[in-house]
């Protein structure tokens, strides 16, 4: 057991979070969203690992609709994740 003290994380209310987002300009929020989507696209995380059946872009590309991921693409990703069989570490060692 570690002797390092655990500091409590500050808890923010929904109102405090809303005030913090109000403090950012819309252009800053747009830049943050663009950066997050670009990172997900680049590393094929989440729905960006699937080709989009709506706008027919390949996996790893942004949907043609700016700042949105088509619902069909998100559903395809969720279906693929649901089909994947979770393997516990002990079961993997037994194989």
PDB file of N, CA and C in Angstrom:
ATOM      1  N   UNK A   1       0.843  -1.184   0.000  1.00  0.00           N
ATOM      2  CA  UNK A   1       0.000   0.000   0.000  1.00  0.00           C
ATOM      3  C   UNK A   1       0.882   1.239   0.000  1.00  0.00           C
ATOM      4  N   UNK A   2       0.522   2.196  -0.790  1.00  0.00           N
ATOM      5  CA  UNK A   2       1.302   3.415  -0.924  1.00  0.00           C
ATOM      6  C   UNK A   2       1.034   4.357   0.236  1.00  0.00           C
ATOM      7  N   UNK A   3       2.083   5.046   0.658  1.00  0.00           N
ATOM      8  CA  UNK A   3       1.938   6.023   1.728  1.00  0.00           C
ATOM      9  C   UNK A   3       1.688   7.422   1.191  1.00  0.00           C
ATOM     10  N   UNK A   4       1.550   7.540  -0.120  1.00  0.00           N
ATOM     11  CA  UNK A   4       1.303   8.831  -0.743  1.00  0.00           C
ATOM     12  C   UNK A   4      -0.114   9.280  -0.425  1.00  0.00           C
ATOM     13  N   UNK A   5      -0.264  10.497   0.098  1.00  0.00           N
ATOM     14  CA  UNK A   5      -1.630  10.952   0.408  1.00  0.00           C
ATOM     15  C   UNK A   5      -2.417  11.206  -0.872  1.00  0.00           C
ATOM     16  N   UNK A   6      -3.671  10.900  -0.825  1.00  0.00           N
ATOM     17  CA  UNK A   6      -4.561  11.129  -1.960  1.00  0.00           C
ATOM     18  C   UNK A   6      -5.322  12.412  -1.695  1.00  0.00           C
ATOM     19  N   UNK A   7      -5.152  13.348  -2.587  1.00  0.00           N
ATOM     20  CA  UNK A   7      -5.829  14.629  -2.439  1.00  0.00           C
ATOM     21  C   UNK A   7      -7.193  14.562  -3.101  1.00  0.00           C
ATOM     22  N   UNK A   8      -8.207  15.113  -2.461  1.00  0.00           N
ATOM     23  CA  UNK A   8      -9.532  15.099  -3.087  1.00  0.00           C
ATOM     24  C   UNK A   8      -9.563  16.021  -4.296  1.00  0.00           C
ATOM     25  N   UNK A   9     -10.257  15.593  -5.327  1.00  0.00           N
ATOM     26  CA  UNK A   9     -10.419  16.424  -6.519  1.00  0.00           C
ATOM     27  C   UNK A   9     -11.468  17.488  -6.245  1.00  0.00           C
ATOM     28  N   UNK A  10     -11.253  18.684  -6.759  1.00  0.00           N
ATOM     29  CA  UNK A  10     -12.276  19.712  -6.569  1.00  0.00           C
ATOM     30  C   UNK A  10     -13.542  19.341  -7.331  1.00  0.00           C
ATOM     31  N   UNK A  11     -14.660  19.477  -6.683  1.00  0.00           N
ATOM     32  CA  UNK A  11     -15.931  19.156  -7.316  1.00  0.00           C
ATOM     33  C   UNK A  11     -16.537  20.449  -7.840  1.00  0.00           C
ATOM     34  N   UNK A  12     -16.919  20.424  -9.105  1.00  0.00           N
ATOM     35  CA  UNK A  12     -17.525  21.609  -9.706  1.00  0.00           C
ATOM     36  C   UNK A  12     -18.984  21.320  -9.980  1.00  0.00           C
ATOM     37  N   UNK A  13     -19.781  22.290  -9.709  1.00  0.00           N
ATOM     38  CA  UNK A  13     -21.200  22.146  -9.990  1.00  0.00           C
ATOM     39  C   UNK A  13     -21.446  22.353 -11.481  1.00  0.00           C
ATOM     40  N   UNK A  14     -22.627  22.008 -11.913  1.00  0.00           N
ATOM     41  CA  UNK A  14     -23.001  22.207 -13.312  1.00  0.00           C
ATOM     42  C   UNK A  14     -22.983  23.692 -13.638  1.00  0.00           C
ATOM     43  N   UNK A  15     -23.411  24.508 -12.697  1.00  0.00           N
ATOM     44  CA  UNK A  15     -23.401  25.957 -12.933  1.00  0.00           C
ATOM     45  C   UNK A  15     -21.985  26.485 -13.109  1.00  0.00           C
ATOM     46  N   UNK A  16     -21.055  25.976 -12.296  1.00  0.00           N
ATOM     47  CA  UNK A  16     -19.664  26.420 -12.421  1.00  0.00           C
ATOM     48  C   UNK A  16     -19.095  25.999 -13.771  1.00  0.00           C
ATOM     49  N   UNK A  17     -19.418  24.794 -14.214  1.00  0.00           N
ATOM     50  CA  UNK A  17     -18.947  24.344 -15.522  1.00  0.00           C
ATOM     51  C   UNK A  17     -19.548  25.193 -16.626  1.00  0.00           C
ATOM     52  N   UNK A  18     -20.821  25.564 -16.492  1.00  0.00           N
ATOM     53  CA  UNK A  18     -21.471  26.399 -17.502  1.00  0.00           C
ATOM     54  C   UNK A  18     -20.819  27.781 -17.545  1.00  0.00           C
ATOM     55  N   UNK A  19     -20.487  28.330 -16.384  1.00  0.00           N
ATOM     56  CA  UNK A  19     -19.818  29.631 -16.355  1.00  0.00           C
ATOM     57  C   UNK A  19     -18.445  29.540 -17.010  1.00  0.00           C
ATOM     58  N   UNK A  20     -17.742  28.426 -16.799  1.00  0.00           N
ATOM     59  CA  UNK A  20     -16.424  28.264 -17.401  1.00  0.00           C
ATOM     60  C   UNK A  20     -16.534  28.185 -18.916  1.00  0.00           C
ATOM     61  N   UNK A  21     -17.555  27.501 -19.418  1.00  0.00           N
ATOM     62  CA  UNK A  21     -17.702  27.416 -20.872  1.00  0.00           C
ATOM     63  C   UNK A  21     -18.167  28.744 -21.453  1.00  0.00           C
ATOM     64  N   UNK A  22     -18.905  29.533 -20.664  1.00  0.00           N
ATOM     65  CA  UNK A  22     -19.307  30.864 -21.128  1.00  0.00           C
ATOM     66  C   UNK A  22     -18.103  31.788 -21.252  1.00  0.00           C
ATOM     67  N   UNK A  23     -17.068  31.512 -20.463  1.00  0.00           N
ATOM     68  CA  UNK A  23     -15.885  32.362 -20.483  1.00  0.00           C
ATOM     69  C   UNK A  23     -15.075  32.171 -21.758  1.00  0.00           C
ATOM     70  N   UNK A  24     -15.202  31.025 -22.395  1.00  0.00           N
ATOM     71  CA  UNK A  24     -14.470  30.771 -23.638  1.00  0.00           C
ATOM     72  C   UNK A  24     -15.233  31.353 -24.820  1.00  0.00           C
ATOM     73  N   UNK A  25     -14.495  31.886 -25.735  1.00  0.00           N
ATOM     74  CA  UNK A  25     -15.135  32.442 -26.926  1.00  0.00           C
ATOM     75  C   UNK A  25     -15.595  31.301 -27.828  1.00  0.00           C
ATOM     76  N   UNK A  26     -16.589  31.554 -28.666  1.00  0.00           N
ATOM     77  CA  UNK A  26     -17.033  30.503 -29.593  1.00  0.00           C
ATOM     78  C   UNK A  26     -15.914  30.014 -30.509  1.00  0.00           C
ATOM     79  N   UNK A  27     -15.010  30.890 -30.888  1.00  0.00           N
ATOM     80  CA  UNK A  27     -13.911  30.452 -31.760  1.00  0.00           C
ATOM     81  C   UNK A  27     -12.967  29.517 -31.010  1.00  0.00           C
ATOM     82  N   UNK A  28     -12.784  29.725 -29.698  1.00  0.00           N
ATOM     83  CA  UNK A  28     -11.943  28.824 -28.911  1.00  0.00           C
ATOM     84  C   UNK A  28     -12.609  27.464 -28.778  1.00  0.00           C
ATOM     85  N   UNK A  29     -13.919  27.455 -28.567  1.00  0.00           N
ATOM     86  CA  UNK A  29     -14.649  26.189 -28.489  1.00  0.00           C
ATOM     87  C   UNK A  29     -14.612  25.455 -29.825  1.00  0.00           C
ATOM     88  N   UNK A  30     -14.738  26.187 -30.929  1.00  0.00           N
ATOM     89  CA  UNK A  30     -14.645  25.578 -32.256  1.00  0.00           C
ATOM     90  C   UNK A  30     -13.274  24.953 -32.474  1.00  0.00           C
ATOM     91  N   UNK A  31     -12.227  25.645 -32.057  1.00  0.00           N
ATOM     92  CA  UNK A  31     -10.870  25.127 -32.223  1.00  0.00           C
ATOM     93  C   UNK A  31     -10.656  23.869 -31.385  1.00  0.00           C
ATOM     94  N   UNK A  32     -11.207  23.859 -30.164  1.00  0.00           N
ATOM     95  CA  UNK A  32     -11.081  22.678 -29.311  1.00  0.00           C
ATOM     96  C   UNK A  32     -11.807  21.488 -29.926  1.00  0.00           C
ATOM     97  N   UNK A  33     -12.991  21.714 -30.460  1.00  0.00           N
ATOM     98  CA  UNK A  33     -13.758  20.634 -31.080  1.00  0.00           C
ATOM     99  C   UNK A  33     -13.063  20.120 -32.338  1.00  0.00           C
ATOM    100  N   UNK A  34     -12.542  21.031 -33.133  1.00  0.00           N
ATOM    101  CA  UNK A  34     -11.801  20.622 -34.333  1.00  0.00           C
ATOM    102  C   UNK A  34     -10.578  19.784 -33.969  1.00  0.00           C
ATOM    103  N   UNK A  35      -9.867  20.186 -32.917  1.00  0.00           N
ATOM    104  CA  UNK A  35      -8.678  19.443 -32.494  1.00  0.00           C
ATOM    105  C   UNK A  35      -9.058  18.055 -31.982  1.00  0.00           C
ATOM    106  N   UNK A  36     -10.148  17.963 -31.241  1.00  0.00           N
ATOM    107  CA  UNK A  36     -10.588  16.661 -30.735  1.00  0.00           C
ATOM    108  C   UNK A  36     -10.987  15.740 -31.882  1.00  0.00           C
ATOM    109  N   UNK A  37     -11.736  16.247 -32.846  1.00  0.00           N
ATOM    110  CA  UNK A  37     -12.136  15.431 -33.998  1.00  0.00           C
ATOM    111  C   UNK A  37     -10.923  15.018 -34.817  1.00  0.00           C
ATOM    112  N   UNK A  38      -9.975  15.913 -34.987  1.00  0.00           N
ATOM    113  CA  UNK A  38      -8.782  15.596 -35.768  1.00  0.00           C
ATOM    114  C   UNK A  38      -7.968  14.502 -35.080  1.00  0.00           C
ATOM    115  N   UNK A  39      -7.866  14.567 -33.764  1.00  0.00           N
ATOM    116  CA  UNK A  39      -7.138  13.535 -33.024  1.00  0.00           C
ATOM    117  C   UNK A  39      -7.837  12.192 -33.156  1.00  0.00           C
ATOM    118  N   UNK A  40      -9.153  12.175 -33.009  1.00  0.00           N
ATOM    119  CA  UNK A  40      -9.902  10.930 -33.161  1.00  0.00           C
ATOM    120  C   UNK A  40      -9.776  10.384 -34.585  1.00  0.00           C
ATOM    121  N   UNK A  41      -9.824  11.250 -35.558  1.00  0.00           N
ATOM    122  CA  UNK A  41      -9.697  10.817 -36.955  1.00  0.00           C
ATOM    123  C   UNK A  41      -8.318  10.240 -37.209  1.00  0.00           C
ATOM    124  N   UNK A  42      -7.302  10.938 -36.741  1.00  0.00           N
ATOM    125  CA  UNK A  42      -5.927  10.528 -37.011  1.00  0.00           C
ATOM    126  C   UNK A  42      -5.613   9.148 -36.440  1.00  0.00           C
ATOM    127  N   UNK A  43      -6.101   8.882 -35.238  1.00  0.00           N
ATOM    128  CA  UNK A  43      -5.800   7.612 -34.590  1.00  0.00           C
ATOM    129  C   UNK A  43      -6.935   6.597 -34.712  1.00  0.00           C
ATOM    130  N   UNK A  44      -7.954   6.941 -35.509  1.00  0.00           N
ATOM    131  CA  UNK A  44      -9.105   6.060 -35.764  1.00  0.00           C
ATOM    132  C   UNK A  44      -9.755   5.577 -34.475  1.00  0.00           C
ATOM    133  N   UNK A  45     -10.033   6.521 -33.594  1.00  0.00           N
ATOM    134  CA  UNK A  45     -10.708   6.219 -32.341  1.00  0.00           C
ATOM    135  C   UNK A  45     -12.209   6.321 -32.528  1.00  0.00           C
ATOM    136  N   UNK A  46     -12.926   5.523 -31.770  1.00  0.00           N
ATOM    137  CA  UNK A  46     -14.381   5.608 -31.750  1.00  0.00           C
ATOM    138  C   UNK A  46     -14.986   5.382 -33.125  1.00  0.00           C
ATOM    139  N   UNK A  47     -15.943   6.218 -33.450  1.00  0.00           N
ATOM    140  CA  UNK A  47     -16.675   6.069 -34.711  1.00  0.00           C
ATOM    141  C   UNK A  47     -15.787   6.291 -35.929  1.00  0.00           C
ATOM    142  N   UNK A  48     -14.661   6.949 -35.765  1.00  0.00           N
ATOM    143  CA  UNK A  48     -13.774   7.193 -36.912  1.00  0.00           C
ATOM    144  C   UNK A  48     -13.031   5.935 -37.348  1.00  0.00           C
ATOM    145  N   UNK A  49     -13.190   4.837 -36.618  1.00  0.00           N
ATOM    146  CA  UNK A  49     -12.604   3.558 -37.025  1.00  0.00           C
ATOM    147  C   UNK A  49     -13.478   2.858 -38.058  1.00  0.00           C
ATOM    148  N   UNK A  50     -14.666   3.367 -38.304  1.00  0.00           N
ATOM    149  CA  UNK A  50     -15.628   2.768 -39.227  1.00  0.00           C
ATOM    150  C   UNK A  50     -15.799   3.653 -40.454  1.00  0.00           C
ATOM    151  N   UNK A  51     -16.038   3.077 -41.621  1.00  0.00           N
ATOM    152  CA  UNK A  51     -16.422   3.911 -42.771  1.00  0.00           C
ATOM    153  C   UNK A  51     -17.846   4.435 -42.554  1.00  0.00           C
ATOM    154  N   UNK A  52     -18.136   5.606 -43.067  1.00  0.00           N
ATOM    155  CA  UNK A  52     -19.459   6.201 -42.869  1.00  0.00           C
ATOM    156  C   UNK A  52     -20.419   5.713 -43.960  1.00  0.00           C
ATOM    157  N   UNK A  53     -21.506   5.028 -43.566  1.00  0.00           N
ATOM    158  CA  UNK A  53     -22.466   4.581 -44.570  1.00  0.00           C
ATOM    159  C   UNK A  53     -23.330   5.716 -45.129  1.00  0.00           C
ATOM    160  N   UNK A  54     -23.343   6.864 -44.461  1.00  0.00           N
ATOM    161  CA  UNK A  54     -24.172   7.987 -44.916  1.00  0.00           C
ATOM    162  C   UNK A  54     -23.471   8.800 -46.000  1.00  0.00           C
ATOM    163  N   UNK A  55     -22.242   9.255 -45.701  1.00  0.00           N
ATOM    164  CA  UNK A  55     -21.545  10.097 -46.683  1.00  0.00           C
ATOM    165  C   UNK A  55     -20.442   9.335 -47.420  1.00  0.00           C
ATOM    166  N   UNK A  56     -20.270   8.044 -47.119  1.00  0.00           N
ATOM    167  CA  UNK A  56     -19.385   7.126 -47.844  1.00  0.00           C
ATOM    168  C   UNK A  56     -17.914   7.523 -47.801  1.00  0.00           C
ATOM    169  N   UNK A  57     -17.470   8.117 -46.688  1.00  0.00           N
ATOM    170  CA  UNK A  57     -16.032   8.364 -46.532  1.00  0.00           C
ATOM    171  C   UNK A  57     -15.415   7.133 -45.878  1.00  0.00           C
ATOM    172  N   UNK A  58     -14.145   6.834 -46.179  1.00  0.00           N
ATOM    173  CA  UNK A  58     -13.517   5.656 -45.587  1.00  0.00           C
ATOM    174  C   UNK A  58     -13.211   5.866 -44.104  1.00  0.00           C
ATOM    175  N   UNK A  59     -12.862   4.783 -43.446  1.00  0.00           N
ATOM    176  CA  UNK A  59     -12.468   4.862 -42.040  1.00  0.00           C
ATOM    177  C   UNK A  59     -11.260   5.778 -41.902  1.00  0.00           C
ATOM    178  N   UNK A  60     -11.223   6.542 -40.844  1.00  0.00           N
ATOM    179  CA  UNK A  60     -10.118   7.466 -40.620  1.00  0.00           C
ATOM    180  C   UNK A  60     -10.303   8.815 -41.272  1.00  0.00           C
ATOM    181  N   UNK A  61     -11.454   9.067 -41.857  1.00  0.00           N
ATOM    182  CA  UNK A  61     -11.745  10.370 -42.471  1.00  0.00           C
ATOM    183  C   UNK A  61     -12.925  11.009 -41.758  1.00  0.00           C
ATOM    184  N   UNK A  62     -12.962  12.337 -41.763  1.00  0.00           N
ATOM    185  CA  UNK A  62     -14.083  13.062 -41.173  1.00  0.00           C
ATOM    186  C   UNK A  62     -15.308  12.934 -42.066  1.00  0.00           C
ATOM    187  N   UNK A  63     -16.482  12.931 -41.434  1.00  0.00           N
ATOM    188  CA  UNK A  63     -17.723  12.946 -42.213  1.00  0.00           C
ATOM    189  C   UNK A  63     -17.803  14.259 -42.982  1.00  0.00           C
ATOM    190  N   UNK A  64     -18.538  14.241 -44.073  1.00  0.00           N
ATOM    191  CA  UNK A  64     -18.656  15.450 -44.893  1.00  0.00           C
ATOM    192  C   UNK A  64     -19.467  16.526 -44.193  1.00  0.00           C
ATOM    193  N   UNK A  65     -20.330  16.140 -43.238  1.00  0.00           N
ATOM    194  CA  UNK A  65     -21.067  17.130 -42.451  1.00  0.00           C
ATOM    195  C   UNK A  65     -20.102  17.712 -41.428  1.00  0.00           C
ATOM    196  N   UNK A  66     -19.906  18.988 -41.471  1.00  0.00           N
ATOM    197  CA  UNK A  66     -18.928  19.613 -40.575  1.00  0.00           C
ATOM    198  C   UNK A  66     -19.376  19.513 -39.126  1.00  0.00           C
ATOM    199  N   UNK A  67     -18.466  19.140 -38.279  1.00  0.00           N
ATOM    200  CA  UNK A  67     -18.664  19.074 -36.836  1.00  0.00           C
ATOM    201  C   UNK A  67     -19.754  18.111 -36.397  1.00  0.00           C
ATOM    202  N   UNK A  68     -19.910  17.043 -37.114  1.00  0.00           N
ATOM    203  CA  UNK A  68     -20.817  16.008 -36.642  1.00  0.00           C
ATOM    204  C   UNK A  68     -20.354  14.672 -37.185  1.00  0.00           C
ATOM    205  N   UNK A  69     -20.732  13.643 -36.469  1.00  0.00           N
ATOM    206  CA  UNK A  69     -20.486  12.282 -36.922  1.00  0.00           C
ATOM    207  C   UNK A  69     -21.862  11.705 -37.181  1.00  0.00           C
ATOM    208  N   UNK A  70     -22.078  11.171 -38.361  1.00  0.00           N
ATOM    209  CA  UNK A  70     -23.404  10.669 -38.701  1.00  0.00           C
ATOM    210  C   UNK A  70     -23.818   9.547 -37.757  1.00  0.00           C
ATOM    211  N   UNK A  71     -25.104   9.503 -37.459  1.00  0.00           N
ATOM    212  CA  UNK A  71     -25.642   8.509 -36.529  1.00  0.00           C
ATOM    213  C   UNK A  71     -25.380   7.090 -37.014  1.00  0.00           C
ATOM    214  N   UNK A  72     -25.451   6.859 -38.307  1.00  0.00           N
ATOM    215  CA  UNK A  72     -25.207   5.518 -38.851  1.00  0.00           C
ATOM    216  C   UNK A  72     -23.771   5.074 -38.575  1.00  0.00           C
ATOM    217  N   UNK A  73     -22.838   6.008 -38.615  1.00  0.00           N
ATOM    218  CA  UNK A  73     -21.436   5.680 -38.331  1.00  0.00           C
ATOM    219  C   UNK A  73     -21.262   5.331 -36.862  1.00  0.00           C
ATOM    220  N   UNK A  74     -21.899   6.095 -35.981  1.00  0.00           N
ATOM    221  CA  UNK A  74     -21.827   5.793 -34.554  1.00  0.00           C
ATOM    222  C   UNK A  74     -22.465   4.444 -34.249  1.00  0.00           C
ATOM    223  N   UNK A  75     -23.588   4.146 -34.904  1.00  0.00           N
ATOM    224  CA  UNK A  75     -24.256   2.859 -34.696  1.00  0.00           C
ATOM    225  C   UNK A  75     -23.396   1.701 -35.198  1.00  0.00           C
ATOM    226  N   UNK A  76     -22.726   1.881 -36.316  1.00  0.00           N
ATOM    227  CA  UNK A  76     -21.845   0.839 -36.840  1.00  0.00           C
ATOM    228  C   UNK A  76     -20.701   0.568 -35.870  1.00  0.00           C
ATOM    229  N   UNK A  77     -20.169   1.616 -35.276  1.00  0.00           N
ATOM    230  CA  UNK A  77     -19.093   1.446 -34.300  1.00  0.00           C
ATOM    231  C   UNK A  77     -19.603   0.716 -33.057  1.00  0.00           C
ATOM    232  N   UNK A  78     -20.767   1.106 -32.564  1.00  0.00           N
ATOM    233  CA  UNK A  78     -21.326   0.444 -31.375  1.00  0.00           C
ATOM    234  C   UNK A  78     -21.626  -1.018 -31.641  1.00  0.00           C
ATOM    235  N   UNK A  79     -22.088  -1.339 -32.842  1.00  0.00           N
ATOM    236  CA  UNK A  79     -22.379  -2.736 -33.188  1.00  0.00           C
ATOM    237  C   UNK A  79     -21.090  -3.552 -33.240  1.00  0.00           C
ATOM    238  N   UNK A  80     -20.018  -2.975 -33.775  1.00  0.00           N
ATOM    239  CA  UNK A  80     -18.744  -3.691 -33.837  1.00  0.00           C
ATOM    240  C   UNK A  80     -18.178  -3.921 -32.442  1.00  0.00           C
ATOM    241  N   UNK A  81     -18.285  -2.924 -31.577  1.00  0.00           N
ATOM    242  CA  UNK A  81     -17.794  -3.066 -30.208  1.00  0.00           C
ATOM    243  C   UNK A  81     -18.608  -4.111 -29.457  1.00  0.00           C
ATOM    244  N   UNK A  82     -19.918  -4.144 -29.683  1.00  0.00           N
ATOM    245  CA  UNK A  82     -20.775  -5.110 -29.000  1.00  0.00           C
ATOM    246  C   UNK A  82     -20.459  -6.537 -29.446  1.00  0.00           C
ATOM    247  N   UNK A  83     -20.031  -6.716 -30.699  1.00  0.00           N
ATOM    248  CA  UNK A  83     -19.705  -8.047 -31.205  1.00  0.00           C
ATOM    249  C   UNK A  83     -18.371  -8.551 -30.680  1.00  0.00           C
ATOM    250  N   UNK A  84     -17.486  -7.620 -30.311  1.00  0.00           N
ATOM    251  CA  UNK A  84     -16.176  -8.020 -29.817  1.00  0.00           C
ATOM    252  C   UNK A  84     -16.349  -8.722 -28.472  1.00  0.00           C
ATOM    253  N   UNK A  85     -15.724  -9.861 -28.345  1.00  0.00           N
ATOM    254  CA  UNK A  85     -15.848 -10.652 -27.123  1.00  0.00           C
ATOM    255  C   UNK A  85     -14.812 -10.171 -26.112  1.00  0.00           C
ATOM    256  N   UNK A  86     -15.254  -9.675 -24.969  1.00  0.00           N
ATOM    257  CA  UNK A  86     -14.263  -9.252 -23.971  1.00  0.00           C
ATOM    258  C   UNK A  86     -13.533 -10.462 -23.401  1.00  0.00           C
ATOM    259  N   UNK A  87     -12.239 -10.363 -23.273  1.00  0.00           N
ATOM    260  CA  UNK A  87     -11.421 -11.456 -22.770  1.00  0.00           C
ATOM    261  C   UNK A  87     -10.731 -10.982 -21.497  1.00  0.00           C
ATOM    262  N   UNK A  88     -10.930 -11.703 -20.424  1.00  0.00           N
ATOM    263  CA  UNK A  88     -10.268 -11.348 -19.177  1.00  0.00           C
ATOM    264  C   UNK A  88      -8.824 -11.819 -19.252  1.00  0.00           C
ATOM    265  N   UNK A  89      -7.919 -11.199 -18.499  1.00  0.00           N
ATOM    266  CA  UNK A  89      -6.504 -11.609 -18.537  1.00  0.00           C
ATOM    267  C   UNK A  89      -6.291 -13.057 -18.136  1.00  0.00           C
ATOM    268  N   UNK A  90      -7.077 -13.558 -17.204  1.00  0.00           N
ATOM    269  CA  UNK A  90      -6.904 -14.958 -16.782  1.00  0.00           C
ATOM    270  C   UNK A  90      -7.367 -15.917 -17.873  1.00  0.00           C
ATOM    271  N   UNK A  91      -8.405 -15.553 -18.604  1.00  0.00           N
ATOM    272  CA  UNK A  91      -8.865 -16.401 -19.698  1.00  0.00           C
ATOM    273  C   UNK A  91      -7.872 -16.406 -20.838  1.00  0.00           C
ATOM    274  N   UNK A  92      -7.210 -15.268 -21.070  1.00  0.00           N
ATOM    275  CA  UNK A  92      -6.214 -15.194 -22.140  1.00  0.00           C
ATOM    276  C   UNK A  92      -5.002 -16.059 -21.801  1.00  0.00           C
ATOM    277  N   UNK A  93      -4.628 -16.149 -20.519  1.00  0.00           N
ATOM    278  CA  UNK A  93      -3.499 -16.983 -20.119  1.00  0.00           C
ATOM    279  C   UNK A  93      -3.818 -18.465 -20.255  1.00  0.00           C
ATOM    280  N   UNK A  94      -5.094 -18.850 -20.069  1.00  0.00           N
ATOM    281  CA  UNK A  94      -5.487 -20.243 -20.125  1.00  0.00           C
ATOM    282  C   UNK A  94      -5.457 -20.773 -21.556  1.00  0.00           C
ATOM    283  N   UNK A  95      -5.527 -19.903 -22.526  1.00  0.00           N
ATOM    284  CA  UNK A  95      -5.561 -20.341 -23.933  1.00  0.00           C
ATOM    285  C   UNK A  95      -4.264 -20.812 -24.399  1.00  0.00           C
TER     286      UNK A  95
END
